Amino acid sequence: MIQWEDFQKVDIRVGTVVEVEDFPEARKPAYKLKIDFGDPIGVKRSSAQITALYRKEDLLGKQVIAVVNFPPKQIGKFFSEVLTLGLSDGSGQIVLLQPTQPVPNGERLH
């Protein structure tokens, strides 16, 4: 069991996808995302293995949930700055976590 203080250390926020690119250098099919978390966090980059269930054009403007306080992770020449969160659909494909109603970019999970 973790303590409440441990959970509070994980900074989980909502942001809007503003750019999506293919990531052909990745070992598994993935996209490079740019996600706007509003002020003061700004736009951050993330790699996401979500190509099976999401088309690039459908991701633009979608709000997603991400951990924003992990150190950047290098994937080839790309630096992923946030961890975009998702759940397996049971067959190994990732379904993004998203709010059911629009919320301000940068809103923190409570």
C-alpha atoms as a PDB file:
ATOM      1  CA  MET A   1       0.000   0.000   0.000  1.00  0.00           C
ATOM      2  CA  ILE A   2       1.199   3.505  -0.733  1.00  0.00           C
ATOM      3  CA  GLN A   3       0.497   6.573   1.303  1.00  0.00           C
ATOM      4  CA  TRP A   4      -1.600   9.514   0.037  1.00  0.00           C
ATOM      5  CA  GLU A   5       1.570  11.626  -0.040  1.00  0.00           C
ATOM      6  CA  ASP A   6       3.131   9.124  -2.476  1.00  0.00           C
ATOM      7  CA  PHE A   7       0.164   9.404  -4.845  1.00  0.00           C
ATOM      8  CA  GLN A   8       0.306  13.203  -4.704  1.00  0.00           C
ATOM      9  CA  LYS A   9       3.874  13.091  -6.048  1.00  0.00           C
ATOM     10  CA  VAL A  10       2.545  11.820  -9.398  1.00  0.00           C
ATOM     11  CA  ASP A  11       1.430  14.869 -11.386  1.00  0.00           C
ATOM     12  CA  ILE A  12      -1.384  13.638 -13.667  1.00  0.00           C
ATOM     13  CA  ARG A  13      -2.971  16.289 -15.895  1.00  0.00           C
ATOM     14  CA  VAL A  14      -5.193  16.758 -18.912  1.00  0.00           C
ATOM     15  CA  GLY A  15      -4.001  18.242 -22.186  1.00  0.00           C
ATOM     16  CA  THR A  16      -5.192  18.636 -25.766  1.00  0.00           C
ATOM     17  CA  VAL A  17      -3.420  16.927 -28.664  1.00  0.00           C
ATOM     18  CA  VAL A  18      -2.273  19.692 -31.029  1.00  0.00           C
ATOM     19  CA  GLU A  19       0.024  17.734 -33.370  1.00  0.00           C
ATOM     20  CA  VAL A  20       0.403  14.086 -34.413  1.00  0.00           C
ATOM     21  CA  GLU A  21       3.197  12.563 -36.509  1.00  0.00           C
ATOM     22  CA  ASP A  22       4.094   9.022 -37.498  1.00  0.00           C
ATOM     23  CA  PHE A  23       7.037   7.572 -35.570  1.00  0.00           C
ATOM     24  CA  PRO A  24       8.629   5.121 -38.031  1.00  0.00           C
ATOM     25  CA  GLU A  25      11.821   4.803 -35.945  1.00  0.00           C
ATOM     26  CA  ALA A  26       9.931   3.269 -33.010  1.00  0.00           C
ATOM     27  CA  ARG A  27      10.244  -0.498 -32.476  1.00  0.00           C
ATOM     28  CA  LYS A  28       6.459  -0.869 -32.197  1.00  0.00           C
ATOM     29  CA  PRO A  29       4.037   1.254 -34.274  1.00  0.00           C
ATOM     30  CA  ALA A  30       3.605   4.605 -32.540  1.00  0.00           C
ATOM     31  CA  TYR A  31       2.810   8.276 -32.980  1.00  0.00           C
ATOM     32  CA  LYS A  32       4.707  11.337 -31.831  1.00  0.00           C
ATOM     33  CA  LEU A  33       2.232  13.610 -30.056  1.00  0.00           C
ATOM     34  CA  LYS A  34       2.434  17.242 -29.044  1.00  0.00           C
ATOM     35  CA  ILE A  35       0.039  17.909 -26.172  1.00  0.00           C
ATOM     36  CA  ASP A  36      -0.936  21.359 -24.864  1.00  0.00           C
ATOM     37  CA  PHE A  37      -1.223  21.387 -21.075  1.00  0.00           C
ATOM     38  CA  GLY A  38      -1.819  25.145 -20.836  1.00  0.00           C
ATOM     39  CA  ASP A  39       0.086  27.487 -18.526  1.00  0.00           C
ATOM     40  CA  PRO A  40       2.514  26.999 -16.882  1.00  0.00           C
ATOM     41  CA  ILE A  41       3.363  23.555 -18.340  1.00  0.00           C
ATOM     42  CA  GLY A  42       2.900  24.389 -22.020  1.00  0.00           C
ATOM     43  CA  VAL A  43       3.202  22.000 -24.970  1.00  0.00           C
ATOM     44  CA  LYS A  44       4.984  18.700 -24.287  1.00  0.00           C
ATOM     45  CA  ARG A  45       5.937  15.759 -26.505  1.00  0.00           C
ATOM     46  CA  SER A  46       4.965  12.130 -26.010  1.00  0.00           C
ATOM     47  CA  SER A  47       5.302   8.847 -27.857  1.00  0.00           C
ATOM     48  CA  ALA A  48       2.201   6.671 -27.841  1.00  0.00           C
ATOM     49  CA  GLN A  49       1.671   3.148 -29.193  1.00  0.00           C
ATOM     50  CA  ILE A  50      -1.937   3.787 -30.188  1.00  0.00           C
ATOM     51  CA  THR A  51      -1.856   3.401 -33.979  1.00  0.00           C
ATOM     52  CA  ALA A  52      -4.148   0.346 -34.017  1.00  0.00           C
ATOM     53  CA  LEU A  53      -7.145   2.164 -32.536  1.00  0.00           C
ATOM     54  CA  TYR A  54      -6.559   5.824 -33.443  1.00  0.00           C
ATOM     55  CA  ARG A  55      -5.992   7.659 -36.706  1.00  0.00           C
ATOM     56  CA  LYS A  56      -3.823  10.779 -36.643  1.00  0.00           C
ATOM     57  CA  GLU A  57      -6.634  13.058 -37.768  1.00  0.00           C
ATOM     58  CA  ASP A  58      -8.959  11.710 -35.058  1.00  0.00           C
ATOM     59  CA  LEU A  59      -6.443  12.506 -32.309  1.00  0.00           C
ATOM     60  CA  LEU A  60      -6.165  16.214 -33.108  1.00  0.00           C
ATOM     61  CA  GLY A  61      -8.141  18.226 -30.594  1.00  0.00           C
ATOM     62  CA  LYS A  62      -8.724  15.251 -28.259  1.00  0.00           C
ATOM     63  CA  GLN A  63      -8.046  15.693 -24.585  1.00  0.00           C
ATOM     64  CA  VAL A  64      -5.811  13.045 -23.032  1.00  0.00           C
ATOM     65  CA  ILE A  65      -4.478  12.286 -19.572  1.00  0.00           C
ATOM     66  CA  ALA A  66      -0.721  12.169 -18.911  1.00  0.00           C
ATOM     67  CA  VAL A  67       1.882  12.065 -16.166  1.00  0.00           C
ATOM     68  CA  VAL A  68       3.809  15.315 -16.590  1.00  0.00           C
ATOM     69  CA  ASN A  69       6.529  15.005 -13.940  1.00  0.00           C
ATOM     70  CA  PHE A  70       8.564  12.020 -15.132  1.00  0.00           C
ATOM     71  CA  PRO A  71      12.029  12.777 -16.513  1.00  0.00           C
ATOM     72  CA  PRO A  72      12.185  12.796 -20.345  1.00  0.00           C
ATOM     73  CA  LYS A  73      12.663   9.356 -21.908  1.00  0.00           C
ATOM     74  CA  GLN A  74      14.791   9.026 -25.024  1.00  0.00           C
ATOM     75  CA  ILE A  75      13.325   6.821 -27.740  1.00  0.00           C
ATOM     76  CA  GLY A  76      15.798   6.849 -30.620  1.00  0.00           C
ATOM     77  CA  LYS A  77      16.352  10.513 -31.456  1.00  0.00           C
ATOM     78  CA  PHE A  78      13.009  11.501 -29.897  1.00  0.00           C
ATOM     79  CA  PHE A  79      12.548  12.661 -26.289  1.00  0.00           C
ATOM     80  CA  SER A  80       9.185  11.810 -24.754  1.00  0.00           C
ATOM     81  CA  GLU A  81       8.498  14.428 -22.075  1.00  0.00           C
ATOM     82  CA  VAL A  82       5.229  13.083 -20.644  1.00  0.00           C
ATOM     83  CA  LEU A  83       3.647   9.651 -20.266  1.00  0.00           C
ATOM     84  CA  THR A  84       0.305   9.535 -22.065  1.00  0.00           C
ATOM     85  CA  LEU A  85      -1.942   7.143 -20.131  1.00  0.00           C
ATOM     86  CA  GLY A  86      -4.034   4.327 -21.511  1.00  0.00           C
ATOM     87  CA  LEU A  87      -5.427   0.893 -20.732  1.00  0.00           C
ATOM     88  CA  SER A  88      -5.214  -2.355 -22.656  1.00  0.00           C
ATOM     89  CA  ASP A  89      -8.413  -3.380 -24.415  1.00  0.00           C
ATOM     90  CA  GLY A  90      -7.724  -7.018 -23.574  1.00  0.00           C
ATOM     91  CA  SER A  91      -6.012  -7.796 -26.867  1.00  0.00           C
ATOM     92  CA  GLY A  92      -2.987  -5.599 -26.173  1.00  0.00           C
ATOM     93  CA  GLN A  93      -4.187  -2.454 -27.955  1.00  0.00           C
ATOM     94  CA  ILE A  94      -4.065   0.749 -25.937  1.00  0.00           C
ATOM     95  CA  VAL A  95      -7.204   2.806 -25.259  1.00  0.00           C
ATOM     96  CA  LEU A  96      -6.420   6.367 -24.186  1.00  0.00           C
ATOM     97  CA  LEU A  97      -7.648   7.737 -20.876  1.00  0.00           C
ATOM     98  CA  GLN A  98      -9.785  10.794 -21.583  1.00  0.00           C
ATOM     99  CA  PRO A  99     -12.162  13.012 -19.615  1.00  0.00           C
ATOM    100  CA  THR A 100     -15.839  12.420 -20.404  1.00  0.00           C
ATOM    101  CA  GLN A 101     -16.458  16.188 -20.478  1.00  0.00           C
ATOM    102  CA  PRO A 102     -14.135  19.013 -21.617  1.00  0.00           C
ATOM    103  CA  VAL A 103     -11.956  20.417 -18.846  1.00  0.00           C
ATOM    104  CA  PRO A 104      -9.330  23.173 -18.876  1.00  0.00           C
ATOM    105  CA  ASN A 105      -5.917  22.106 -20.182  1.00  0.00           C
ATOM    106  CA  GLY A 106      -3.537  21.550 -17.302  1.00  0.00           C
ATOM    107  CA  GLU A 107      -6.249  20.520 -14.829  1.00  0.00           C
ATOM    108  CA  ARG A 108      -4.700  18.140 -12.321  1.00  0.00           C
ATOM    109  CA  LEU A 109      -6.200  14.786 -11.331  1.00  0.00           C
ATOM    110  CA  HIS A 110      -7.663  15.039  -7.846  1.00  0.00           C
END
